[in-house]
Amino acid sequence: NQVDAEQMMAKIADRGYAFVAEPGMADIVLV
């Protein structure tokens, strides 16, 4: 599952989105 998440992170990052570690500080949360 962690590898799946890492691949999804790369795809999302390529679109220019910024990642935050704390869900409460995000606009969109993927679980």
Full PDB file with SEQRES, HELIX, SHEET, SSBOND, CRYST1, ORIGX, SCALE, CONECT and MASTER records, all heavy atoms in Angstrom:
SEQRES   1 A   31  ASN GLN VAL ASP ALA GLU GLN MET MET ALA LYS ILE ALA          
SEQRES   2 A   31  ASP ARG GLY TYR ALA PHE VAL ALA GLU PRO GLY MET ALA          
SEQRES   3 A   31  ASP ILE VAL LEU VAL                                          
HELIX    1 AA1 GLN A    2  ASP A   14  1                                  13    
HELIX    2 AA2 PRO A   23  MET A   25  5                                   3    
CRYST1    1.000    1.000    1.000  90.00  90.00  90.00 P 1           1          
ORIGX1      1.000000  0.000000  0.000000        0.00000                         
ORIGX2      0.000000  1.000000  0.000000        0.00000                         
ORIGX3      0.000000  0.000000  1.000000        0.00000                         
SCALE1      1.000000  0.000000  0.000000        0.00000                         
SCALE2      0.000000  1.000000  0.000000        0.00000                         
SCALE3      0.000000  0.000000  1.000000        0.00000                         
ATOM      1  N   ASN A   1       0.834  -1.208   0.000  1.00  0.00           N  
ATOM      2  CA  ASN A   1       0.000   0.000   0.000  1.00  0.00           C  
ATOM      3  C   ASN A   1       0.865   1.253   0.000  1.00  0.00           C  
ATOM      4  O   ASN A   1       0.529   2.257  -0.635  1.00  0.00           O  
ATOM      5  CB  ASN A   1      -0.903  -0.004   1.237  1.00  0.00           C  
ATOM      6  CG  ASN A   1      -2.385   0.015   0.869  1.00  0.00           C  
ATOM      7  OD1 ASN A   1      -2.766  -0.415  -0.206  1.00  0.00           O  
ATOM      8  ND2 ASN A   1      -3.208   0.496   1.771  1.00  0.00           N  
ATOM      9  N   GLN A   2       1.962   1.199   0.743  1.00  0.00           N  
ATOM     10  CA  GLN A   2       2.851   2.351   0.824  1.00  0.00           C  
ATOM     11  C   GLN A   2       3.460   2.676  -0.539  1.00  0.00           C  
ATOM     12  O   GLN A   2       3.569   3.843  -0.915  1.00  0.00           O  
ATOM     13  CB  GLN A   2       3.961   2.092   1.842  1.00  0.00           C  
ATOM     14  CG  GLN A   2       4.833   3.299   2.119  1.00  0.00           C  
ATOM     15  CD  GLN A   2       5.749   3.081   3.304  1.00  0.00           C  
ATOM     16  OE1 GLN A   2       5.571   2.148   4.089  1.00  0.00           O  
ATOM     17  NE2 GLN A   2       6.741   3.936   3.463  1.00  0.00           N  
ATOM     18  N   VAL A   3       3.829   1.643  -1.290  1.00  0.00           N  
ATOM     19  CA  VAL A   3       4.371   1.866  -2.634  1.00  0.00           C  
ATOM     20  C   VAL A   3       3.306   2.480  -3.540  1.00  0.00           C  
ATOM     21  O   VAL A   3       3.589   3.393  -4.332  1.00  0.00           O  
ATOM     22  CB  VAL A   3       4.918   0.555  -3.225  1.00  0.00           C  
ATOM     23  CG1 VAL A   3       5.284   0.732  -4.701  1.00  0.00           C  
ATOM     24  CG2 VAL A   3       6.135   0.087  -2.440  1.00  0.00           C  
ATOM     25  N   ASP A   4       2.068   1.995  -3.438  1.00  0.00           N  
ATOM     26  CA  ASP A   4       0.971   2.608  -4.195  1.00  0.00           C  
ATOM     27  C   ASP A   4       0.870   4.099  -3.875  1.00  0.00           C  
ATOM     28  O   ASP A   4       0.713   4.936  -4.773  1.00  0.00           O  
ATOM     29  CB  ASP A   4      -0.360   1.932  -3.856  1.00  0.00           C  
ATOM     30  CG  ASP A   4      -0.549   0.584  -4.541  1.00  0.00           C  
ATOM     31  OD1 ASP A   4       0.087   0.357  -5.589  1.00  0.00           O  
ATOM     32  OD2 ASP A   4      -1.342  -0.225  -4.022  1.00  0.00           O  
ATOM     33  N   ALA A   5       0.933   4.429  -2.587  1.00  0.00           N  
ATOM     34  CA  ALA A   5       0.826   5.827  -2.163  1.00  0.00           C  
ATOM     35  C   ALA A   5       1.986   6.648  -2.719  1.00  0.00           C  
ATOM     36  O   ALA A   5       1.797   7.796  -3.155  1.00  0.00           O  
ATOM     37  CB  ALA A   5       0.792   5.923  -0.640  1.00  0.00           C  
ATOM     38  N   GLU A   6       3.184   6.083  -2.725  1.00  0.00           N  
ATOM     39  CA  GLU A   6       4.354   6.796  -3.242  1.00  0.00           C  
ATOM     40  C   GLU A   6       4.200   7.094  -4.733  1.00  0.00           C  
ATOM     41  O   GLU A   6       4.586   8.168  -5.208  1.00  0.00           O  
ATOM     42  CB  GLU A   6       5.613   5.972  -2.989  1.00  0.00           C  
ATOM     43  CG  GLU A   6       5.987   5.878  -1.515  1.00  0.00           C  
ATOM     44  CD  GLU A   6       7.132   4.926  -1.243  1.00  0.00           C  
ATOM     45  OE1 GLU A   6       7.468   4.111  -2.141  1.00  0.00           O  
ATOM     46  OE2 GLU A   6       7.701   4.972  -0.145  1.00  0.00           O  
ATOM     47  N   GLN A   7       3.625   6.151  -5.478  1.00  0.00           N  
ATOM     48  CA  GLN A   7       3.410   6.377  -6.904  1.00  0.00           C  
ATOM     49  C   GLN A   7       2.324   7.438  -7.136  1.00  0.00           C  
ATOM     50  O   GLN A   7       2.456   8.289  -8.030  1.00  0.00           O  
ATOM     51  CB  GLN A   7       3.040   5.071  -7.594  1.00  0.00           C  
ATOM     52  CG  GLN A   7       4.206   4.086  -7.685  1.00  0.00           C  
ATOM     53  CD  GLN A   7       3.838   2.789  -8.362  1.00  0.00           C  
ATOM     54  OE1 GLN A   7       2.717   2.305  -8.234  1.00  0.00           O  
ATOM     55  NE2 GLN A   7       4.782   2.202  -9.078  1.00  0.00           N  
ATOM     56  N   MET A   8       1.271   7.398  -6.330  1.00  0.00           N  
ATOM     57  CA  MET A   8       0.228   8.423  -6.461  1.00  0.00           C  
ATOM     58  C   MET A   8       0.768   9.799  -6.097  1.00  0.00           C  
ATOM     59  O   MET A   8       0.431  10.803  -6.742  1.00  0.00           O  
ATOM     60  CB  MET A   8      -0.987   8.056  -5.596  1.00  0.00           C  
ATOM     61  CG  MET A   8      -1.805   6.902  -6.159  1.00  0.00           C  
ATOM     62  SD  MET A   8      -3.393   6.646  -5.299  1.00  0.00           S  
ATOM     63  CE  MET A   8      -2.840   5.780  -3.838  1.00  0.00           C  
ATOM     64  N   MET A   9       1.610   9.871  -5.082  1.00  0.00           N  
ATOM     65  CA  MET A   9       2.218  11.143  -4.699  1.00  0.00           C  
ATOM     66  C   MET A   9       3.006  11.748  -5.854  1.00  0.00           C  
ATOM     67  O   MET A   9       2.937  12.958  -6.109  1.00  0.00           O  
ATOM     68  CB  MET A   9       3.130  10.949  -3.484  1.00  0.00           C  
ATOM     69  CG  MET A   9       2.405  10.730  -2.165  1.00  0.00           C  
ATOM     70  SD  MET A   9       3.541  10.309  -0.824  1.00  0.00           S  
ATOM     71  CE  MET A   9       4.455  11.850  -0.662  1.00  0.00           C  
ATOM     72  N   ALA A  10       3.756  10.905  -6.554  1.00  0.00           N  
ATOM     73  CA  ALA A  10       4.566  11.402  -7.674  1.00  0.00           C  
ATOM     74  C   ALA A  10       3.677  11.973  -8.780  1.00  0.00           C  
ATOM     75  O   ALA A  10       3.980  13.028  -9.364  1.00  0.00           O  
ATOM     76  CB  ALA A  10       5.445  10.278  -8.218  1.00  0.00           C  
ATOM     77  N   LYS A  11       2.587  11.283  -9.080  1.00  0.00           N  
ATOM     78  CA  LYS A  11       1.668  11.758 -10.126  1.00  0.00           C  
ATOM     79  C   LYS A  11       1.024  13.083  -9.728  1.00  0.00           C  
ATOM     80  O   LYS A  11       0.869  14.000 -10.553  1.00  0.00           O  
ATOM     81  CB  LYS A  11       0.603  10.696 -10.394  1.00  0.00           C  
ATOM     82  CG  LYS A  11       1.118   9.453 -11.109  1.00  0.00           C  
ATOM     83  CD  LYS A  11       0.010   8.434 -11.295  1.00  0.00           C  
ATOM     84  CE  LYS A  11       0.474   7.274 -12.183  1.00  0.00           C  
ATOM     85  NZ  LYS A  11       1.597   6.544 -11.604  1.00  0.00           N  
ATOM     86  N   ILE A  12       0.632  13.194  -8.460  1.00  0.00           N  
ATOM     87  CA  ILE A  12      -0.005  14.427  -7.984  1.00  0.00           C  
ATOM     88  C   ILE A  12       1.005  15.574  -7.953  1.00  0.00           C  
ATOM     89  O   ILE A  12       0.701  16.705  -8.336  1.00  0.00           O  
ATOM     90  CB  ILE A  12      -0.628  14.193  -6.595  1.00  0.00           C  
ATOM     91  CG1 ILE A  12      -1.779  13.169  -6.702  1.00  0.00           C  
ATOM     92  CG2 ILE A  12      -1.137  15.492  -5.992  1.00  0.00           C  
ATOM     93  CD1 ILE A  12      -2.281  12.660  -5.364  1.00  0.00           C  
ATOM     94  N   ALA A  13       2.229  15.284  -7.498  1.00  0.00           N  
ATOM     95  CA  ALA A  13       3.268  16.314  -7.434  1.00  0.00           C  
ATOM     96  C   ALA A  13       3.607  16.849  -8.820  1.00  0.00           C  
ATOM     97  O   ALA A  13       3.897  18.047  -8.983  1.00  0.00           O  
ATOM     98  CB  ALA A  13       4.519  15.758  -6.762  1.00  0.00           C  
ATOM     99  N   ASP A  14       3.580  15.994  -9.833  1.00  0.00           N  
ATOM    100  CA  ASP A  14       3.879  16.425 -11.200  1.00  0.00           C  
ATOM    101  C   ASP A  14       2.875  17.458 -11.713  1.00  0.00           C  
ATOM    102  O   ASP A  14       3.166  18.185 -12.668  1.00  0.00           O  
ATOM    103  CB  ASP A  14       3.909  15.216 -12.144  1.00  0.00           C  
ATOM    104  CG  ASP A  14       5.203  14.424 -12.032  1.00  0.00           C  
ATOM    105  OD1 ASP A  14       6.157  14.933 -11.422  1.00  0.00           O  
ATOM    106  OD2 ASP A  14       5.257  13.280 -12.548  1.00  0.00           O  
ATOM    107  N   ARG A  15       1.694  17.499 -11.105  1.00  0.00           N  
ATOM    108  CA  ARG A  15       0.681  18.498 -11.492  1.00  0.00           C  
ATOM    109  C   ARG A  15       0.851  19.827 -10.734  1.00  0.00           C  
ATOM    110  O   ARG A  15       0.055  20.744 -10.916  1.00  0.00           O  
ATOM    111  CB  ARG A  15      -0.724  17.941 -11.251  1.00  0.00           C  
ATOM    112  CG  ARG A  15      -1.074  16.765 -12.124  1.00  0.00           C  
ATOM    113  CD  ARG A  15      -1.247  17.168 -13.588  1.00  0.00           C  
ATOM    114  NE  ARG A  15      -1.465  16.006 -14.440  1.00  0.00           N  
ATOM    115  CZ  ARG A  15      -2.660  15.498 -14.713  1.00  0.00           C  
ATOM    116  NH1 ARG A  15      -3.749  16.050 -14.202  1.00  0.00           N  
ATOM    117  NH2 ARG A  15      -2.768  14.438 -15.487  1.00  0.00           N  
ATOM    118  N   GLY A  16       1.833  19.892  -9.861  1.00  0.00           N  
ATOM    119  CA  GLY A  16       2.116  21.155  -9.184  1.00  0.00           C  
ATOM    120  C   GLY A  16       1.483  21.324  -7.820  1.00  0.00           C  
ATOM    121  O   GLY A  16       1.569  22.409  -7.227  1.00  0.00           O  
ATOM    122  N   TYR A  17       0.848  20.292  -7.300  1.00  0.00           N  
ATOM    123  CA  TYR A  17       0.248  20.392  -5.971  1.00  0.00           C  
ATOM    124  C   TYR A  17       1.327  20.331  -4.893  1.00  0.00           C  
ATOM    125  O   TYR A  17       2.351  19.652  -5.048  1.00  0.00           O  
ATOM    126  CB  TYR A  17      -0.766  19.267  -5.745  1.00  0.00           C  
ATOM    127  CG  TYR A  17      -1.999  19.377  -6.610  1.00  0.00           C  
ATOM    128  CD1 TYR A  17      -2.073  18.708  -7.830  1.00  0.00           C  
ATOM    129  CD2 TYR A  17      -3.078  20.157  -6.223  1.00  0.00           C  
ATOM    130  CE1 TYR A  17      -3.195  18.810  -8.631  1.00  0.00           C  
ATOM    131  CE2 TYR A  17      -4.206  20.265  -7.018  1.00  0.00           C  
ATOM    132  CZ  TYR A  17      -4.258  19.593  -8.224  1.00  0.00           C  
ATOM    133  OH  TYR A  17      -5.368  19.704  -9.018  1.00  0.00           O  
ATOM    134  N   ALA A  18       1.077  21.011  -3.779  1.00  0.00           N  
ATOM    135  CA  ALA A  18       1.989  20.991  -2.640  1.00  0.00           C  
ATOM    136  C   ALA A  18       1.494  19.975  -1.614  1.00  0.00           C  
ATOM    137  O   ALA A  18       0.290  19.853  -1.382  1.00  0.00           O  
ATOM    138  CB  ALA A  18       2.072  22.377  -2.009  1.00  0.00           C  
ATOM    139  N   PHE A  19       2.422  19.238  -1.018  1.00  0.00           N  
ATOM    140  CA  PHE A  19       2.058  18.257  -0.003  1.00  0.00           C  
ATOM    141  C   PHE A  19       2.295  18.804   1.394  1.00  0.00           C  
ATOM    142  O   PHE A  19       3.273  19.521   1.637  1.00  0.00           O  
ATOM    143  CB  PHE A  19       2.879  16.969  -0.178  1.00  0.00           C  
ATOM    144  CG  PHE A  19       2.399  16.103  -1.310  1.00  0.00           C  
ATOM    145  CD1 PHE A  19       3.093  16.078  -2.504  1.00  0.00           C  
ATOM    146  CD2 PHE A  19       1.253  15.340  -1.195  1.00  0.00           C  
ATOM    147  CE1 PHE A  19       2.652  15.294  -3.562  1.00  0.00           C  
ATOM    148  CE2 PHE A  19       0.804  14.566  -2.238  1.00  0.00           C  
ATOM    149  CZ  PHE A  19       1.510  14.537  -3.427  1.00  0.00           C  
ATOM    150  N   VAL A  20       1.385  18.475   2.302  1.00  0.00           N  
ATOM    151  CA  VAL A  20       1.549  18.789   3.713  1.00  0.00           C  
ATOM    152  C   VAL A  20       1.420  17.496   4.509  1.00  0.00           C  
ATOM    153  O   VAL A  20       0.738  16.560   4.093  1.00  0.00           O  
ATOM    154  CB  VAL A  20       0.514  19.825   4.200  1.00  0.00           C  
ATOM    155  CG1 VAL A  20       0.725  21.154   3.503  1.00  0.00           C  
ATOM    156  CG2 VAL A  20      -0.908  19.326   3.984  1.00  0.00           C  
ATOM    157  N   ALA A  21       2.109  17.442   5.640  1.00  0.00           N  
ATOM    158  CA  ALA A  21       2.104  16.219   6.435  1.00  0.00           C  
ATOM    159  C   ALA A  21       0.870  16.093   7.320  1.00  0.00           C  
ATOM    160  O   ALA A  21       0.419  14.984   7.616  1.00  0.00           O  
ATOM    161  CB  ALA A  21       3.367  16.155   7.296  1.00  0.00           C  
ATOM    162  N   GLU A  22       0.322  17.232   7.739  1.00  0.00           N  
ATOM    163  CA  GLU A  22      -0.821  17.236   8.656  1.00  0.00           C  
ATOM    164  C   GLU A  22      -2.124  17.346   7.861  1.00  0.00           C  
ATOM    165  O   GLU A  22      -2.350  18.347   7.175  1.00  0.00           O  
ATOM    166  CB  GLU A  22      -0.694  18.413   9.626  1.00  0.00           C  
ATOM    167  CG  GLU A  22      -1.834  18.542  10.612  1.00  0.00           C  
ATOM    168  CD  GLU A  22      -1.886  17.399  11.603  1.00  0.00           C  
ATOM    169  OE1 GLU A  22      -0.817  16.926  12.026  1.00  0.00           O  
ATOM    170  OE2 GLU A  22      -3.002  16.986  11.941  1.00  0.00           O  
ATOM    171  N   PRO A  23      -2.998  16.329   7.907  1.00  0.00           N  
ATOM    172  CA  PRO A  23      -4.244  16.394   7.136  1.00  0.00           C  
ATOM    173  C   PRO A  23      -5.068  17.648   7.390  1.00  0.00           C  
ATOM    174  O   PRO A  23      -5.687  18.185   6.478  1.00  0.00           O  
ATOM    175  CB  PRO A  23      -4.988  15.129   7.583  1.00  0.00           C  
ATOM    176  CG  PRO A  23      -3.909  14.177   7.984  1.00  0.00           C  
ATOM    177  CD  PRO A  23      -2.844  15.034   8.599  1.00  0.00           C  
ATOM    178  N   GLY A  24      -5.067  18.123   8.632  1.00  0.00           N  
ATOM    179  CA  GLY A  24      -5.868  19.288   8.967  1.00  0.00           C  
ATOM    180  C   GLY A  24      -5.398  20.567   8.312  1.00  0.00           C  
ATOM    181  O   GLY A  24      -6.105  21.580   8.342  1.00  0.00           O  
ATOM    182  N   MET A  25      -4.201  20.541   7.694  1.00  0.00           N  
ATOM    183  CA  MET A  25      -3.674  21.719   7.016  1.00  0.00           C  
ATOM    184  C   MET A  25      -3.839  21.622   5.506  1.00  0.00           C  
ATOM    185  O   MET A  25      -3.375  22.475   4.761  1.00  0.00           O  
ATOM    186  CB  MET A  25      -2.193  21.904   7.364  1.00  0.00           C  
ATOM    187  CG  MET A  25      -1.934  22.171   8.835  1.00  0.00           C  
ATOM    188  SD  MET A  25      -0.174  22.162   9.238  1.00  0.00           S  
ATOM    189  CE  MET A  25       0.366  23.578   8.299  1.00  0.00           C  
ATOM    190  N   ALA A  26      -4.497  20.558   5.038  1.00  0.00           N  
ATOM    191  CA  ALA A  26      -4.638  20.317   3.596  1.00  0.00           C  
ATOM    192  C   ALA A  26      -6.000  20.793   3.090  1.00  0.00           C  
ATOM    193  O   ALA A  26      -6.955  20.950   3.851  1.00  0.00           O  
ATOM    194  CB  ALA A  26      -4.457  18.838   3.299  1.00  0.00           C  
ATOM    195  N   ASP A  27      -6.071  21.000   1.787  1.00  0.00           N  
ATOM    196  CA  ASP A  27      -7.354  21.245   1.128  1.00  0.00           C  
ATOM    197  C   ASP A  27      -7.990  19.923   0.711  1.00  0.00           C  
ATOM    198  O   ASP A  27      -9.195  19.727   0.842  1.00  0.00           O  
ATOM    199  CB  ASP A  27      -7.150  22.122  -0.114  1.00  0.00           C  
ATOM    200  CG  ASP A  27      -6.559  23.468   0.216  1.00  0.00           C  
ATOM    201  OD1 ASP A  27      -7.181  24.203   0.997  1.00  0.00           O  
ATOM    202  OD2 ASP A  27      -5.461  23.777  -0.296  1.00  0.00           O  
ATOM    203  N   ILE A  28      -7.166  19.022   0.197  1.00  0.00           N  
ATOM    204  CA  ILE A  28      -7.619  17.714  -0.260  1.00  0.00           C  
ATOM    205  C   ILE A  28      -6.841  16.647   0.495  1.00  0.00           C  
ATOM    206  O   ILE A  28      -5.603  16.686   0.545  1.00  0.00           O  
ATOM    207  CB  ILE A  28      -7.389  17.539  -1.776  1.00  0.00           C  
ATOM    208  CG1 ILE A  28      -8.114  18.632  -2.568  1.00  0.00           C  
ATOM    209  CG2 ILE A  28      -7.837  16.156  -2.229  1.00  0.00           C  
ATOM    210  CD1 ILE A  28      -7.801  18.621  -4.051  1.00  0.00           C  
ATOM    211  N   VAL A  29      -7.547  15.700   1.099  1.00  0.00           N  
ATOM    212  CA  VAL A  29      -6.894  14.612   1.828  1.00  0.00           C  
ATOM    213  C   VAL A  29      -7.235  13.292   1.156  1.00  0.00           C  
ATOM    214  O   VAL A  29      -8.407  12.986   0.918  1.00  0.00           O  
ATOM    215  CB  VAL A  29      -7.318  14.567   3.314  1.00  0.00           C  
ATOM    216  CG1 VAL A  29      -6.582  13.438   4.030  1.00  0.00           C  
ATOM    217  CG2 VAL A  29      -7.029  15.902   3.989  1.00  0.00           C  
ATOM    218  N   LEU A  30      -6.205  12.542   0.838  1.00  0.00           N  
ATOM    219  CA  LEU A  30      -6.360  11.203   0.259  1.00  0.00           C  
ATOM    220  C   LEU A  30      -5.987  10.189   1.322  1.00  0.00           C  
ATOM    221  O   LEU A  30      -4.882  10.238   1.870  1.00  0.00           O  
ATOM    222  CB  LEU A  30      -5.458  11.068  -0.967  1.00  0.00           C  
ATOM    223  CG  LEU A  30      -5.569   9.808  -1.824  1.00  0.00           C  
ATOM    224  CD1 LEU A  30      -5.107  10.111  -3.255  1.00  0.00           C  
ATOM    225  CD2 LEU A  30      -4.730   8.672  -1.259  1.00  0.00           C  
ATOM    226  N   VAL A  31      -6.899   9.274   1.645  1.00  0.00           N  
ATOM    227  CA  VAL A  31      -6.597   8.218   2.601  1.00  0.00           C  
ATOM    228  C   VAL A  31      -6.553   6.892   1.854  1.00  0.00           C  
ATOM    229  O   VAL A  31      -7.525   6.478   1.225  1.00  0.00           O  
ATOM    230  CB  VAL A  31      -7.604   8.194   3.787  1.00  0.00           C  
ATOM    231  CG1 VAL A  31      -9.043   8.081   3.315  1.00  0.00           C  
ATOM    232  CG2 VAL A  31      -7.280   7.067   4.758  1.00  0.00           C  
TER     233      VAL A  31                                                      
MASTER        0    0    0    2    0    0    0    6  232    1    0    3          
END                                                                             
